[in-house]
Amino acid sequence: MTHQQGLHIGMSLAPTWLSGEGWRRPDSRVESLFGSDFALDIARRSEAAHLDFVFRPDVSCVVADALQSGSGFTSLDPTVLLAALTRETTHIGLVSTVSTTFFPPYLVARQLQSLNWLSNGRVGWNIVTALQGHENFGLPAMPSAEERYARAAEFTDVVQRLWRSFPNQALRIDRDNGVYADPAQVQPIDHQGDFLQVQGPLNLPEQGSRIPLIQAGASDSGRDFAARVADIVFAPTPDQAAAAELRRDLSRRAERHGRNPADIRLLPGLSLFLAPTREQARELFMDTHARVDKARKYAAIEKMIGIDLTNWPSDRRIHAADLPPLQLLPGASRTHVSLLRRLIERESLLPSELLMRPEVLSAAHWQVIGTVDDAVEEIADWAEAGVMDGFIAAPGGSFGSVYCFLDEVVPRLVERGLFRGQYQGATFAEHLQRY
């Protein structure tokens, strides 16, 4: 399948180059992690490259015993951080992550619509249900995946109805007749649902530009939710076969929900370790993961797939026959469990090899370790195969990978006709239109 339109590209604002040993490099800028300068620099450079959006993932807890060896999930609140970028950028989309499990919908509707006003229509909402952090919000335990996604569906509907409860056209600002707004158009939503009770209306009007929705779940419940509401699906797809299967499934589900499958854009995460030569890129990757905490990784593997590698012989490969029956433990991601099992079913790996695979090292994203040429060819190949609509870049190893991607890879994609050479709209929703 040949790609018939330009790719959509986002850039992760999570400091992915600080993972592993990356934060220890002299040029890592880890000291600026809790300021706005590093995010502002990336956002400005991404806008200069005409990317669709920058994206800030988020979690609502911290793993304290991991802090000695890295920053982990410590971060500024994404919506507050993006607010700092609204006056310093003009075109690029600003995607914030907000959980539907922990926060009230009225607050979320108000924050995102406020951000949409401040950015002149450039906001997107990455909808997550969260996997952990319940103890920080008064919950005795994390709800099941099915319950979280049922709540997410109701929550998203409530937020969108709150946005519509004060339509932009209700604003009259008629000085001559003394009419600021038409109150007849501002109506409560009077929502009484299974999880939420919200009266409304929202206390600020719609900005006028639609807020696109991003969804990152690839489990069965997550896929169905995405097929119902998402403009963009951000999912771990480590290879083209995984991306193609997800795209086919999303298309079938979208049709069942009465949507056009073309309205759902699949954007895999793309982990990039870039250097002038392949040898240098491989060295960057290996240096980044030189101190892999085997005990923690083995514990995570056992939690996900039930195989204890603690005393596993280093020269014995792990085969599909070694996999016990699937049993999802509390706190485990159904998506990552499935991808890790799929990897072992397809390949027989030594423990040392398994520890270096993205299904174990990170979020199981598509990965390129090589030169600018390698990255361009790999992206072009995926585009030609028609298995994605673009990607979200997550450069790794060093800040140099960030600059290399924006300054060298993206212009090459423009030369090939795979990406825009300039913006054709000013809002995030306009960037997602065909071009």
Protein backbone atom coordinates (compact mmCIF):
# COMPACT_ATOMS: atom_id res chain seq x y z
CA MET A 1 0.00 0.00 0.00
CA THR A 2 1.43 3.39 -0.97
CA HIS A 3 1.01 6.32 1.41
CA GLN A 4 -1.27 8.84 -0.32
CA GLN A 5 -0.82 11.86 1.95
CA GLY A 6 1.80 13.55 4.06
CA LEU A 7 2.81 12.09 7.37
CA HIS A 8 1.76 13.61 10.68
CA ILE A 9 4.68 13.99 13.08
CA GLY A 10 4.71 14.81 16.77
CA MET A 11 7.64 15.27 19.11
CA SER A 12 7.70 13.94 22.65
CA LEU A 13 8.40 16.59 25.27
CA ALA A 14 9.28 13.87 27.74
CA PRO A 15 13.07 13.98 28.15
CA THR A 16 13.55 10.55 26.59
CA TRP A 17 17.26 11.25 26.00
CA LEU A 18 17.74 11.23 29.77
CA SER A 19 16.69 7.60 30.15
CA GLY A 20 19.21 4.99 31.23
CA GLU A 21 22.65 6.57 31.42
CA GLY A 22 21.73 9.46 29.12
CA TRP A 23 21.22 11.88 32.01
CA ARG A 24 24.85 11.40 33.07
CA ARG A 25 26.26 12.89 29.84
CA PRO A 26 27.76 16.39 30.26
CA ASP A 27 25.39 17.72 27.58
CA SER A 28 22.20 16.10 28.94
CA ARG A 29 20.77 19.33 30.45
CA VAL A 30 19.29 17.27 33.28
CA GLU A 31 19.64 20.27 35.60
CA SER A 32 16.96 22.09 33.59
CA LEU A 33 14.44 19.26 33.86
CA PHE A 34 12.08 21.24 36.09
CA GLY A 35 12.18 24.48 34.14
CA SER A 36 10.53 25.44 30.88
CA ASP A 37 13.67 26.19 28.84
CA PHE A 38 14.33 22.66 27.53
CA ALA A 39 10.66 22.20 26.52
CA LEU A 40 10.58 25.64 24.95
CA ASP A 41 13.73 24.93 22.95
CA ILE A 42 12.29 21.68 21.60
CA ALA A 43 8.90 23.25 20.87
CA ARG A 44 10.45 26.15 18.95
CA ARG A 45 12.69 23.84 16.94
CA SER A 46 9.77 21.48 16.27
CA GLU A 47 7.69 24.41 15.06
CA ALA A 48 10.51 25.54 12.79
CA ALA A 49 10.42 22.02 11.31
CA HIS A 50 6.61 22.37 10.90
CA LEU A 51 5.76 19.37 13.06
CA ASP A 52 2.10 18.80 13.87
CA PHE A 53 2.50 18.91 17.63
CA VAL A 54 4.60 18.46 20.72
CA PHE A 55 3.33 15.97 23.26
CA ARG A 56 3.84 15.68 27.01
CA PRO A 57 3.07 12.26 28.51
CA ASP A 58 2.44 12.08 32.23
CA VAL A 59 1.94 9.81 35.23
CA SER A 60 0.59 10.73 38.66
CA CYS A 61 3.03 8.92 40.92
CA VAL A 62 6.74 8.43 41.47
CA VAL A 63 8.70 5.21 41.86
CA ALA A 64 10.96 6.29 44.69
CA ASP A 65 13.37 3.35 44.62
CA ALA A 66 14.22 4.13 40.98
CA LEU A 67 15.25 7.73 41.64
CA GLN A 68 18.85 6.92 42.49
CA SER A 69 19.61 5.87 38.91
CA GLY A 70 17.46 8.34 36.97
CA SER A 71 14.68 10.90 36.93
CA GLY A 72 11.99 8.31 36.22
CA PHE A 73 8.54 9.86 35.92
CA THR A 74 9.31 13.03 37.85
CA SER A 75 7.95 15.94 35.86
CA LEU A 76 6.11 19.24 35.83
CA ASP A 77 2.36 19.14 35.41
CA PRO A 78 1.94 18.88 31.61
CA THR A 79 -0.91 21.38 31.29
CA VAL A 80 0.98 23.99 33.30
CA LEU A 81 4.13 23.37 31.24
CA LEU A 82 2.25 23.73 27.96
CA ALA A 83 0.66 26.95 29.18
CA ALA A 84 4.19 28.35 29.42
CA LEU A 85 4.68 27.53 25.72
CA THR A 86 1.53 29.18 24.39
CA ARG A 87 3.05 32.68 24.14
CA GLU A 88 6.37 31.42 22.80
CA THR A 89 4.97 29.45 19.83
CA THR A 90 2.40 30.29 17.16
CA HIS A 91 1.50 27.22 15.09
CA ILE A 92 2.56 23.93 16.62
CA GLY A 93 -0.03 21.79 18.42
CA LEU A 94 0.30 21.40 22.20
CA VAL A 95 -0.90 18.02 23.49
CA SER A 96 -1.42 17.57 27.23
CA THR A 97 -2.00 14.28 29.05
CA VAL A 98 -4.87 14.13 31.55
CA SER A 99 -6.23 11.04 33.31
CA THR A 100 -9.93 10.23 33.31
CA THR A 101 -9.51 8.02 36.39
CA PHE A 102 -8.23 10.61 38.85
CA PHE A 103 -9.57 14.05 37.94
CA PRO A 104 -13.06 15.61 37.79
CA PRO A 105 -14.33 16.28 34.25
CA TYR A 106 -15.36 19.89 34.94
CA LEU A 107 -11.78 20.74 35.95
CA VAL A 108 -10.36 18.99 32.89
CA ALA A 109 -12.83 20.67 30.53
CA ARG A 110 -11.99 24.06 31.95
CA GLN A 111 -8.21 23.60 31.94
CA LEU A 112 -8.04 22.32 28.36
CA GLN A 113 -10.44 24.94 27.02
CA SER A 114 -8.45 27.64 28.84
CA LEU A 115 -5.29 26.31 27.20
CA ASN A 116 -7.07 26.34 23.85
CA TRP A 117 -7.86 30.03 24.29
CA LEU A 118 -4.31 30.86 25.36
CA SER A 119 -2.85 29.02 22.35
CA ASN A 120 -5.40 30.23 19.78
CA GLY A 121 -6.75 26.76 19.09
CA ARG A 122 -3.64 24.57 19.25
CA VAL A 123 -4.51 22.18 22.09
CA GLY A 124 -4.92 18.42 22.01
CA TRP A 125 -5.94 16.07 24.81
CA ASN A 126 -4.08 12.79 25.33
CA ILE A 127 -6.68 10.72 27.19
CA VAL A 128 -5.25 8.16 29.60
CA THR A 129 -6.89 5.91 32.17
CA ALA A 130 -3.64 5.34 34.14
CA LEU A 131 -2.16 2.10 35.45
CA GLN A 132 -1.04 3.25 38.89
CA GLY A 133 -1.23 6.12 41.33
CA HIS A 134 -4.64 5.41 42.87
CA GLU A 135 -3.25 5.86 46.39
CA ASN A 136 -2.62 9.54 45.62
CA PHE A 137 -6.28 10.21 44.85
CA GLY A 138 -8.12 8.44 47.64
CA LEU A 139 -8.86 5.22 45.74
CA PRO A 140 -8.39 1.92 47.62
CA ALA A 141 -7.23 0.15 44.45
CA MET A 142 -6.95 0.68 40.71
CA PRO A 143 -10.23 -0.14 38.95
CA SER A 144 -10.16 -2.92 36.36
CA ALA A 145 -9.27 -2.04 32.77
CA GLU A 146 -12.90 -2.52 31.74
CA GLU A 147 -14.14 -0.17 34.47
CA ARG A 148 -11.45 2.43 33.70
CA TYR A 149 -12.38 2.53 30.03
CA ALA A 150 -16.10 2.62 30.77
CA ARG A 151 -15.47 5.62 32.99
CA ALA A 152 -13.19 7.14 30.33
CA ALA A 153 -15.95 6.92 27.71
CA GLU A 154 -18.44 8.64 29.99
CA PHE A 155 -15.82 11.16 31.15
CA THR A 156 -14.84 12.13 27.60
CA ASP A 157 -18.46 12.57 26.59
CA VAL A 158 -19.07 14.81 29.63
CA VAL A 159 -16.01 16.97 28.86
CA GLN A 160 -17.09 17.45 25.25
CA ARG A 161 -20.64 18.28 26.31
CA LEU A 162 -19.27 20.82 28.79
CA TRP A 163 -17.29 22.44 25.98
CA ARG A 164 -20.47 22.65 23.90
CA SER A 165 -22.55 23.92 26.85
CA PHE A 166 -21.17 27.43 26.30
CA PRO A 167 -20.85 27.65 22.49
CA ASN A 168 -18.62 30.28 20.95
CA GLN A 169 -21.55 31.76 19.03
CA ALA A 170 -23.25 32.60 22.34
CA LEU A 171 -20.73 35.44 22.68
CA ARG A 172 -22.30 38.55 21.19
CA ILE A 173 -20.14 41.35 22.66
CA ASP A 174 -22.70 43.85 21.36
CA ARG A 175 -21.62 47.12 22.95
CA ASP A 176 -24.33 49.20 21.32
CA ASN A 177 -27.17 47.11 22.76
CA GLY A 178 -25.40 46.08 25.95
CA VAL A 179 -25.48 42.35 25.21
CA TYR A 180 -22.34 40.44 26.12
CA ALA A 181 -23.69 36.93 25.48
CA ASP A 182 -26.94 35.14 24.73
CA PRO A 183 -27.80 33.23 27.93
CA ALA A 184 -30.36 31.11 26.08
CA GLN A 185 -27.49 29.33 24.31
CA VAL A 186 -25.62 28.58 27.54
CA GLN A 187 -27.27 25.49 28.99
CA PRO A 188 -26.49 22.96 31.74
CA ILE A 189 -25.76 19.40 30.68
CA ASP A 190 -27.47 17.81 33.72
CA HIS A 191 -25.42 14.63 33.44
CA GLN A 192 -26.31 11.73 35.73
CA GLY A 193 -24.25 8.70 34.68
CA ASP A 194 -22.83 5.46 36.02
CA PHE A 195 -19.65 7.18 37.23
CA LEU A 196 -20.22 10.93 37.10
CA GLN A 197 -22.75 13.57 38.05
CA VAL A 198 -22.10 16.97 36.46
CA GLN A 199 -24.55 19.82 36.02
CA GLY A 200 -22.66 22.45 34.00
CA PRO A 201 -22.57 24.61 31.99
CA LEU A 202 -18.86 25.39 31.75
CA ASN A 203 -17.90 28.86 32.89
CA LEU A 204 -16.02 29.83 29.75
CA PRO A 205 -17.00 29.59 26.08
CA GLU A 206 -15.55 27.34 23.41
CA GLN A 207 -12.52 28.88 21.79
CA GLY A 208 -13.86 28.07 18.34
CA SER A 209 -11.29 25.46 17.25
CA ARG A 210 -11.96 21.80 17.92
CA ILE A 211 -9.69 20.07 20.45
CA PRO A 212 -8.41 16.80 18.88
CA LEU A 213 -8.32 13.69 21.05
CA ILE A 214 -5.36 11.30 21.36
CA GLN A 215 -5.62 7.86 22.92
CA ALA A 216 -2.73 5.56 23.78
CA GLY A 217 -4.35 2.28 24.78
CA ALA A 218 -3.78 -0.76 22.58
CA SER A 219 -5.58 -3.34 24.74
CA ASP A 220 -8.98 -4.62 23.64
CA SER A 221 -10.79 -2.05 25.81
CA GLY A 222 -8.37 0.67 24.76
CA ARG A 223 -8.76 -0.07 21.08
CA ASP A 224 -12.53 0.04 21.27
CA PHE A 225 -12.43 3.33 23.16
CA ALA A 226 -9.98 4.79 20.63
CA ALA A 227 -12.14 3.66 17.72
CA ARG A 228 -15.06 5.56 19.26
CA VAL A 229 -13.41 8.89 20.04
CA ALA A 230 -9.77 9.29 18.95
CA ASP A 231 -8.36 11.46 16.20
CA ILE A 232 -4.91 9.98 16.87
CA VAL A 233 -3.95 6.62 18.30
CA PHE A 234 -0.51 6.58 19.91
CA ALA A 235 0.38 2.95 20.51
CA PRO A 236 3.44 0.74 20.93
CA THR A 237 4.03 -1.05 17.63
CA PRO A 238 7.61 -2.38 17.56
CA ASP A 239 7.35 -3.65 13.98
CA GLN A 240 5.26 -3.21 10.84
CA ALA A 241 3.25 -6.37 11.44
CA ALA A 242 2.10 -5.06 14.84
CA ALA A 243 1.20 -1.69 13.32
CA ALA A 244 -0.69 -3.28 10.41
CA GLU A 245 -2.68 -5.52 12.74
CA LEU A 246 -3.59 -2.60 15.00
CA ARG A 247 -4.60 -0.45 12.04
CA ARG A 248 -6.86 -3.17 10.60
CA ASP A 249 -8.48 -3.74 13.97
CA LEU A 250 -9.05 -0.03 14.58
CA SER A 251 -10.63 0.31 11.15
CA ARG A 252 -13.07 -2.54 11.83
CA ARG A 253 -13.99 -1.10 15.21
CA ALA A 254 -14.39 2.42 13.81
CA GLU A 255 -16.85 1.17 11.22
CA ARG A 256 -18.86 -0.60 13.94
CA HIS A 257 -19.05 2.72 15.77
CA GLY A 258 -20.22 4.51 12.62
CA ARG A 259 -16.94 6.33 12.02
CA ASN A 260 -14.82 6.65 8.91
CA PRO A 261 -11.59 4.70 9.57
CA ALA A 262 -9.63 7.41 7.74
CA ASP A 263 -10.51 9.79 10.58
CA ILE A 264 -8.32 7.76 12.97
CA ARG A 265 -4.63 8.42 12.47
CA LEU A 266 -2.23 5.78 13.77
CA LEU A 267 1.00 7.34 15.04
CA PRO A 268 3.43 4.82 16.56
CA GLY A 269 6.11 6.00 18.94
CA LEU A 270 9.53 6.07 17.25
CA SER A 271 12.59 5.74 19.47
CA LEU A 272 15.62 7.24 17.71
CA PHE A 273 19.29 6.77 18.58
CA LEU A 274 21.03 8.79 15.87
CA ALA A 275 24.72 9.39 15.14
CA PRO A 276 26.99 10.03 12.11
CA THR A 277 27.75 6.30 11.75
CA ARG A 278 25.92 3.11 12.63
CA GLU A 279 28.75 2.10 14.91
CA GLN A 280 28.48 5.37 16.84
CA ALA A 281 24.70 5.02 17.06
CA ARG A 282 25.03 1.49 18.40
CA GLU A 283 27.63 2.70 20.89
CA LEU A 284 25.25 5.48 21.98
CA PHE A 285 22.48 2.94 22.49
CA MET A 286 24.68 0.52 24.43
CA ASP A 287 26.19 3.31 26.57
CA THR A 288 22.68 4.51 27.40
CA HIS A 289 21.73 1.07 28.69
CA ALA A 290 25.09 0.13 30.21
CA ARG A 291 23.68 -0.12 33.72
CA VAL A 292 20.44 -1.95 33.11
CA ASP A 293 19.10 -2.98 36.51
CA LYS A 294 18.73 -6.69 35.81
CA ALA A 295 16.94 -7.41 39.06
CA ARG A 296 14.28 -4.77 38.34
CA LYS A 297 13.91 -5.87 34.72
CA TYR A 298 13.67 -9.53 35.67
CA ALA A 299 11.02 -8.67 38.26
CA ALA A 300 9.08 -6.72 35.63
CA ILE A 301 9.34 -9.60 33.15
CA GLU A 302 8.11 -12.07 35.74
CA LYS A 303 5.20 -9.79 36.60
CA MET A 304 4.24 -9.48 32.94
CA ILE A 305 4.66 -13.01 31.61
CA GLY A 306 5.38 -15.24 34.62
CA ILE A 307 8.93 -16.30 33.67
CA ASP A 308 11.55 -15.96 36.43
CA LEU A 309 14.91 -15.26 34.80
CA THR A 310 16.81 -14.66 38.04
CA ASN A 311 18.72 -17.96 37.84
CA TRP A 312 18.16 -18.62 34.15
CA PRO A 313 21.36 -19.90 32.44
CA SER A 314 22.89 -17.10 30.39
CA ASP A 315 23.36 -19.41 27.37
CA ARG A 316 19.84 -20.85 27.42
CA ARG A 317 17.35 -19.26 25.04
CA ILE A 318 13.80 -18.39 26.08
CA HIS A 319 11.29 -20.19 23.86
CA ALA A 320 7.55 -19.92 23.36
CA ALA A 321 7.20 -23.25 25.17
CA ASP A 322 8.59 -21.61 28.30
CA LEU A 323 5.63 -19.21 28.49
CA PRO A 324 3.09 -20.13 31.18
CA PRO A 325 -0.63 -19.55 30.51
CA LEU A 326 -1.57 -15.88 30.31
CA GLN A 327 -2.42 -14.45 33.72
CA LEU A 328 -2.63 -10.68 33.99
CA LEU A 329 -1.45 -9.47 37.39
CA PRO A 330 -2.70 -6.23 39.03
CA GLY A 331 -0.83 -3.19 37.73
CA ALA A 332 0.44 -4.92 34.59
CA SER A 333 -0.28 -3.35 31.22
CA ARG A 334 -2.31 -5.71 29.07
CA THR A 335 -0.78 -4.12 25.97
CA HIS A 336 2.83 -4.62 27.06
CA VAL A 337 2.15 -8.11 28.32
CA SER A 338 0.77 -9.04 24.90
CA LEU A 339 3.72 -7.49 23.06
CA LEU A 340 6.30 -9.22 25.26
CA ARG A 341 4.59 -12.59 24.86
CA ARG A 342 4.36 -11.98 21.12
CA LEU A 343 8.12 -11.27 20.97
CA ILE A 344 9.00 -14.55 22.69
CA GLU A 345 6.54 -16.48 20.55
CA ARG A 346 8.21 -15.09 17.41
CA GLU A 347 11.87 -15.18 18.49
CA SER A 348 14.00 -17.33 20.79
CA LEU A 349 16.22 -14.95 22.73
CA LEU A 350 18.98 -15.20 25.30
CA PRO A 351 18.28 -13.26 28.54
CA SER A 352 20.91 -10.67 27.59
CA GLU A 353 19.24 -10.18 24.19
CA LEU A 354 15.78 -9.89 25.73
CA LEU A 355 16.97 -7.15 28.08
CA MET A 356 18.00 -5.01 25.09
CA ARG A 357 14.66 -5.23 23.26
CA PRO A 358 12.23 -2.30 23.35
CA GLU A 359 9.49 -4.55 24.73
CA VAL A 360 11.60 -4.73 27.93
CA LEU A 361 13.76 -1.61 27.86
CA SER A 362 11.05 0.95 27.21
CA ALA A 363 7.48 1.22 26.00
CA ALA A 364 7.84 -1.31 23.14
CA HIS A 365 8.04 1.44 20.52
CA TRP A 366 9.37 1.18 16.99
CA GLN A 367 13.12 1.73 17.21
CA VAL A 368 15.84 3.01 14.88
CA ILE A 369 19.49 2.84 15.93
CA GLY A 370 21.60 4.28 13.13
CA THR A 371 22.30 7.24 10.89
CA VAL A 372 20.06 9.91 9.39
CA ASP A 373 19.94 7.82 6.19
CA ASP A 374 18.82 4.79 8.19
CA ALA A 375 16.04 6.74 9.89
CA VAL A 376 14.78 8.27 6.64
CA GLU A 377 14.78 4.91 4.84
CA GLU A 378 13.00 3.20 7.73
CA ILE A 379 10.31 5.88 7.94
CA ALA A 380 9.85 5.85 4.17
CA ASP A 381 9.50 2.06 4.23
CA TRP A 382 6.77 2.17 6.89
CA ALA A 383 4.99 4.94 5.00
CA GLU A 384 5.18 2.98 1.73
CA ALA A 385 3.74 -0.06 3.50
CA GLY A 386 0.79 2.06 4.61
CA VAL A 387 0.89 0.78 8.18
CA MET A 388 0.85 4.20 9.86
CA ASP A 389 -0.13 7.84 9.31
CA GLY A 390 2.95 9.26 10.94
CA PHE A 391 4.73 8.89 14.27
CA ILE A 392 5.68 10.54 17.55
CA ALA A 393 9.44 10.97 17.77
CA ALA A 394 11.15 10.04 21.04
CA PRO A 395 14.89 10.65 20.55
CA GLY A 396 17.16 8.76 22.94
CA GLY A 397 20.71 8.62 24.21
CA SER A 398 21.64 12.27 23.96
CA PHE A 399 20.27 15.70 23.15
CA GLY A 400 22.12 15.32 19.86
CA SER A 401 19.51 12.80 18.72
CA VAL A 402 16.82 15.47 19.17
CA TYR A 403 18.65 18.01 17.04
CA CYS A 404 19.69 15.41 14.48
CA PHE A 405 16.07 14.38 13.98
CA LEU A 406 14.71 17.92 13.66
CA ASP A 407 17.61 19.43 11.69
CA GLU A 408 18.42 16.52 9.37
CA VAL A 409 15.78 13.77 9.29
CA VAL A 410 12.72 16.00 8.91
CA PRO A 411 14.14 18.07 6.00
CA ARG A 412 14.96 14.82 4.20
CA LEU A 413 11.36 13.67 4.66
CA VAL A 414 10.22 16.98 3.17
CA GLU A 415 12.50 16.43 0.17
CA ARG A 416 10.91 13.03 -0.38
CA GLY A 417 7.44 14.49 -0.30
CA LEU A 418 6.58 12.62 2.88
CA PHE A 419 6.13 15.70 5.06
CA ARG A 420 4.97 19.29 4.73
CA GLY A 421 7.41 22.07 3.95
CA GLN A 422 5.26 24.68 5.67
CA TYR A 423 2.12 24.95 7.75
CA GLN A 424 -1.14 25.23 5.87
CA GLY A 425 -3.22 26.06 8.94
CA ALA A 426 -2.83 27.68 12.33
CA THR A 427 -4.67 25.24 14.62
CA PHE A 428 -3.94 21.68 15.69
CA ALA A 429 -7.13 20.39 14.08
CA GLU A 430 -6.12 22.04 10.79
CA HIS A 431 -2.71 20.32 10.91
CA LEU A 432 -4.49 16.95 11.04
CA GLN A 433 -6.37 17.56 7.80
CA ARG A 434 -5.12 15.98 4.61
CA TYR A 435 -2.40 17.91 2.81
